[in-house]
N, C-alpha and C. Protein backbone atom coordinates (compact mmCIF):
# COMPACT_ATOMS: atom_id res chain seq x y z
N MET A 1 97.96 107.56 80.49
CA MET A 1 98.65 106.27 80.52
C MET A 1 100.00 106.38 79.82
N LYS A 2 100.08 107.20 78.79
CA LYS A 2 101.36 107.35 78.08
C LYS A 2 102.42 107.97 78.98
N ILE A 3 101.98 108.89 79.84
CA ILE A 3 102.92 109.51 80.77
C ILE A 3 103.44 108.48 81.76
N ILE A 4 102.54 107.63 82.25
CA ILE A 4 102.94 106.60 83.21
C ILE A 4 103.93 105.63 82.57
N ILE A 5 103.68 105.26 81.32
CA ILE A 5 104.59 104.34 80.62
C ILE A 5 105.96 104.99 80.42
N LYS A 6 105.98 106.29 80.12
CA LYS A 6 107.27 106.98 79.95
C LYS A 6 108.05 107.02 81.27
N ILE A 7 107.34 107.29 82.35
CA ILE A 7 108.00 107.32 83.66
C ILE A 7 108.53 105.94 84.01
N LEU A 8 107.69 104.93 83.82
CA LEU A 8 108.13 103.56 84.12
C LEU A 8 109.28 103.14 83.21
N ALA A 9 109.25 103.59 81.96
CA ALA A 9 110.32 103.23 81.04
C ALA A 9 111.65 103.79 81.51
N SER A 10 111.62 105.01 82.03
CA SER A 10 112.88 105.60 82.50
C SER A 10 113.38 104.91 83.77
N VAL A 11 112.47 104.40 84.58
CA VAL A 11 112.85 103.76 85.83
C VAL A 11 113.18 102.28 85.63
N LEU A 12 112.36 101.58 84.83
CA LEU A 12 112.47 100.12 84.74
C LEU A 12 113.30 99.60 83.58
N PHE A 13 113.58 100.43 82.59
CA PHE A 13 114.18 99.91 81.36
C PHE A 13 115.48 99.16 81.61
N ASP A 14 116.36 99.74 82.40
CA ASP A 14 117.65 99.08 82.65
C ASP A 14 117.51 97.89 83.58
N LYS A 15 116.63 98.02 84.58
CA LYS A 15 116.54 97.00 85.61
C LYS A 15 115.59 95.86 85.24
N GLU A 16 114.42 96.20 84.76
CA GLU A 16 113.38 95.20 84.49
C GLU A 16 112.72 95.44 83.13
N PRO A 17 113.39 95.10 82.04
CA PRO A 17 112.77 95.33 80.73
C PRO A 17 111.52 94.47 80.50
N GLN A 18 111.47 93.30 81.12
CA GLN A 18 110.30 92.42 80.97
C GLN A 18 109.06 93.04 81.61
N ALA A 19 109.23 93.74 82.73
CA ALA A 19 108.11 94.39 83.39
C ALA A 19 107.51 95.46 82.49
N LEU A 20 108.35 96.22 81.82
CA LEU A 20 107.88 97.26 80.91
C LEU A 20 107.13 96.64 79.73
N LYS A 21 107.64 95.54 79.20
CA LYS A 21 106.95 94.85 78.10
C LYS A 21 105.57 94.37 78.54
N THR A 22 105.48 93.84 79.76
CA THR A 22 104.21 93.35 80.28
C THR A 22 103.22 94.50 80.44
N ILE A 23 103.68 95.63 80.95
CA ILE A 23 102.80 96.79 81.10
C ILE A 23 102.30 97.27 79.75
N LYS A 24 103.18 97.34 78.76
CA LYS A 24 102.75 97.77 77.42
C LYS A 24 101.78 96.76 76.80
N LYS A 25 102.02 95.48 77.03
CA LYS A 25 101.16 94.44 76.47
C LYS A 25 99.75 94.51 77.03
N HIS A 26 99.63 94.81 78.32
CA HIS A 26 98.33 94.83 78.99
C HIS A 26 97.83 96.25 79.25
N LYS A 27 98.22 97.17 78.39
CA LYS A 27 97.87 98.58 78.56
C LYS A 27 96.36 98.80 78.65
N VAL A 28 95.61 98.19 77.75
CA VAL A 28 94.16 98.37 77.72
C VAL A 28 93.52 97.86 79.01
N GLU A 29 93.94 96.70 79.47
CA GLU A 29 93.39 96.14 80.70
C GLU A 29 93.71 97.01 81.91
N ILE A 30 94.93 97.55 81.94
CA ILE A 30 95.31 98.42 83.05
C ILE A 30 94.47 99.69 83.03
N GLU A 31 94.27 100.27 81.85
CA GLU A 31 93.43 101.47 81.74
C GLU A 31 92.01 101.17 82.18
N ASN A 32 91.47 100.02 81.80
CA ASN A 32 90.11 99.66 82.21
C ASN A 32 89.99 99.48 83.72
N SER A 33 91.06 99.06 84.37
CA SER A 33 90.99 98.90 85.82
C SER A 33 90.82 100.24 86.53
N PHE A 34 91.25 101.32 85.91
CA PHE A 34 91.04 102.64 86.49
C PHE A 34 89.68 103.21 86.13
N VAL A 35 89.17 102.86 84.94
CA VAL A 35 87.87 103.36 84.50
C VAL A 35 86.75 102.64 85.23
N LEU A 36 86.90 101.35 85.45
CA LEU A 36 85.88 100.53 86.11
C LEU A 36 86.42 99.98 87.42
N PRO A 37 86.64 100.82 88.43
CA PRO A 37 87.30 100.33 89.65
C PRO A 37 86.43 99.42 90.52
N LYS A 38 85.13 99.40 90.30
CA LYS A 38 84.27 98.59 91.15
C LYS A 38 84.23 97.13 90.73
N LEU A 39 84.75 96.81 89.55
CA LEU A 39 84.78 95.43 89.10
C LEU A 39 85.97 94.72 89.72
N THR A 40 85.71 93.58 90.32
CA THR A 40 86.77 92.83 90.98
C THR A 40 86.47 91.34 90.91
N ASN A 41 87.49 90.54 91.03
CA ASN A 41 87.29 89.09 91.05
C ASN A 41 87.21 88.56 92.47
N GLY A 42 87.09 89.45 93.44
CA GLY A 42 87.03 89.07 94.85
C GLY A 42 85.92 88.08 95.19
N PRO A 43 84.68 88.30 94.73
CA PRO A 43 83.62 87.33 95.05
C PRO A 43 83.90 85.93 94.52
N ILE A 44 84.45 85.84 93.32
CA ILE A 44 84.78 84.52 92.76
C ILE A 44 85.90 83.87 93.56
N GLU A 45 86.89 84.67 93.97
CA GLU A 45 87.96 84.12 94.80
C GLU A 45 87.42 83.62 96.13
N GLY A 46 86.38 84.30 96.64
CA GLY A 46 85.74 83.84 97.87
C GLY A 46 85.09 82.48 97.71
N VAL A 47 84.42 82.29 96.56
CA VAL A 47 83.79 80.99 96.28
C VAL A 47 84.87 79.92 96.15
N ASN A 48 85.95 80.23 95.44
CA ASN A 48 87.04 79.26 95.30
C ASN A 48 87.63 78.89 96.65
N ASN A 49 87.82 79.88 97.51
CA ASN A 49 88.37 79.62 98.83
C ASN A 49 87.41 78.75 99.64
N HIS A 50 86.12 79.02 99.54
CA HIS A 50 85.12 78.23 100.26
C HIS A 50 85.17 76.76 99.83
N ILE A 51 85.30 76.53 98.54
CA ILE A 51 85.40 75.16 98.02
C ILE A 51 86.66 74.47 98.54
N LYS A 52 87.77 75.21 98.58
CA LYS A 52 89.02 74.64 99.10
C LYS A 52 88.90 74.28 100.58
N VAL A 53 88.18 75.11 101.34
CA VAL A 53 87.98 74.82 102.76
C VAL A 53 87.16 73.54 102.93
N ILE A 54 86.10 73.40 102.13
CA ILE A 54 85.28 72.18 102.18
C ILE A 54 86.14 70.97 101.83
N LYS A 55 86.97 71.11 100.82
CA LYS A 55 87.84 70.01 100.40
C LYS A 55 88.81 69.63 101.51
N ARG A 56 89.34 70.63 102.20
CA ARG A 56 90.29 70.38 103.28
C ARG A 56 89.60 69.70 104.47
N ILE A 57 88.41 70.18 104.81
CA ILE A 57 87.67 69.60 105.93
C ILE A 57 87.22 68.18 105.60
N ALA A 58 86.82 67.95 104.37
CA ALA A 58 86.29 66.65 103.96
C ALA A 58 87.35 65.56 103.99
N TYR A 59 88.61 65.95 103.84
CA TYR A 59 89.71 65.00 103.82
C TYR A 59 89.49 63.93 102.76
N GLY A 60 88.91 64.34 101.64
CA GLY A 60 88.74 63.45 100.49
C GLY A 60 87.45 62.67 100.50
N TYR A 61 86.51 63.12 99.71
CA TYR A 61 85.27 62.36 99.53
C TYR A 61 85.57 61.16 98.63
N ASN A 62 84.94 60.03 98.90
CA ASN A 62 85.11 58.87 98.03
C ASN A 62 84.32 59.02 96.75
N ASN A 63 83.29 59.81 96.81
CA ASN A 63 82.39 59.94 95.68
C ASN A 63 82.34 61.42 95.27
N PHE A 64 82.68 61.72 94.00
CA PHE A 64 82.67 63.10 93.54
C PHE A 64 81.26 63.69 93.59
N LYS A 65 80.25 62.88 93.36
CA LYS A 65 78.86 63.36 93.40
C LYS A 65 78.53 63.93 94.78
N HIS A 66 78.96 63.26 95.85
CA HIS A 66 78.72 63.74 97.21
C HIS A 66 79.48 65.04 97.48
N PHE A 67 80.71 65.10 96.99
CA PHE A 67 81.52 66.30 97.15
C PHE A 67 80.86 67.49 96.46
N ARG A 68 80.40 67.28 95.25
CA ARG A 68 79.71 68.33 94.48
C ARG A 68 78.45 68.79 95.20
N LEU A 69 77.66 67.83 95.70
CA LEU A 69 76.44 68.18 96.42
C LEU A 69 76.75 68.98 97.69
N ARG A 70 77.81 68.62 98.38
CA ARG A 70 78.20 69.36 99.58
C ARG A 70 78.54 70.81 99.25
N ILE A 71 79.23 71.03 98.15
CA ILE A 71 79.57 72.39 97.70
C ILE A 71 78.30 73.15 97.34
N LEU A 72 77.41 72.52 96.58
CA LEU A 72 76.18 73.20 96.17
C LEU A 72 75.30 73.54 97.37
N ILE A 73 75.20 72.64 98.33
CA ILE A 73 74.41 72.92 99.53
C ILE A 73 75.03 74.08 100.31
N SER A 74 76.34 74.07 100.41
CA SER A 74 77.03 75.11 101.16
C SER A 74 76.88 76.48 100.51
N LEU A 75 76.82 76.52 99.18
CA LEU A 75 76.75 77.79 98.46
C LEU A 75 75.34 78.13 97.98
N LYS A 76 74.32 77.48 98.53
CA LYS A 76 72.96 77.68 98.03
C LYS A 76 72.46 79.11 98.20
N ASN A 77 72.94 79.84 99.20
CA ASN A 77 72.51 81.22 99.42
C ASN A 77 73.46 82.24 98.84
N ASN A 78 74.46 81.79 98.12
CA ASN A 78 75.45 82.68 97.54
C ASN A 78 74.93 83.22 96.22
N VAL A 79 74.64 84.51 96.16
CA VAL A 79 74.06 85.14 94.97
C VAL A 79 75.03 85.08 93.80
N ILE A 80 76.32 85.30 94.05
CA ILE A 80 77.31 85.30 92.98
C ILE A 80 77.41 83.94 92.33
N PHE A 81 77.34 82.89 93.12
CA PHE A 81 77.50 81.54 92.61
C PHE A 81 76.37 81.17 91.66
N PHE A 82 75.15 81.61 91.93
CA PHE A 82 74.00 81.20 91.13
C PHE A 82 73.48 82.28 90.19
N SER A 83 74.16 83.41 90.07
CA SER A 83 73.69 84.46 89.17
C SER A 83 74.42 84.36 87.85
N THR A 84 73.96 83.47 86.98
CA THR A 84 74.59 83.29 85.68
C THR A 84 73.71 83.79 84.59
């Protein structure tokens, strides 16, 4: 990782100093993304997208309770949603 930061520093320092600061700040998280490549937020993003689709199709529920129930019914077979 130190080699990558040195390379990026030589390339980005003059043009994008903020990008280099961000990379240094999140160094541990970036390293973990290479160590644990199978971890992703994709399934959660899928659930969020599904909820947005229901919201768009519903064109506004008058009652939040009904909206919540519609989401729960729709996601009842989703393992990620209920595996807490």
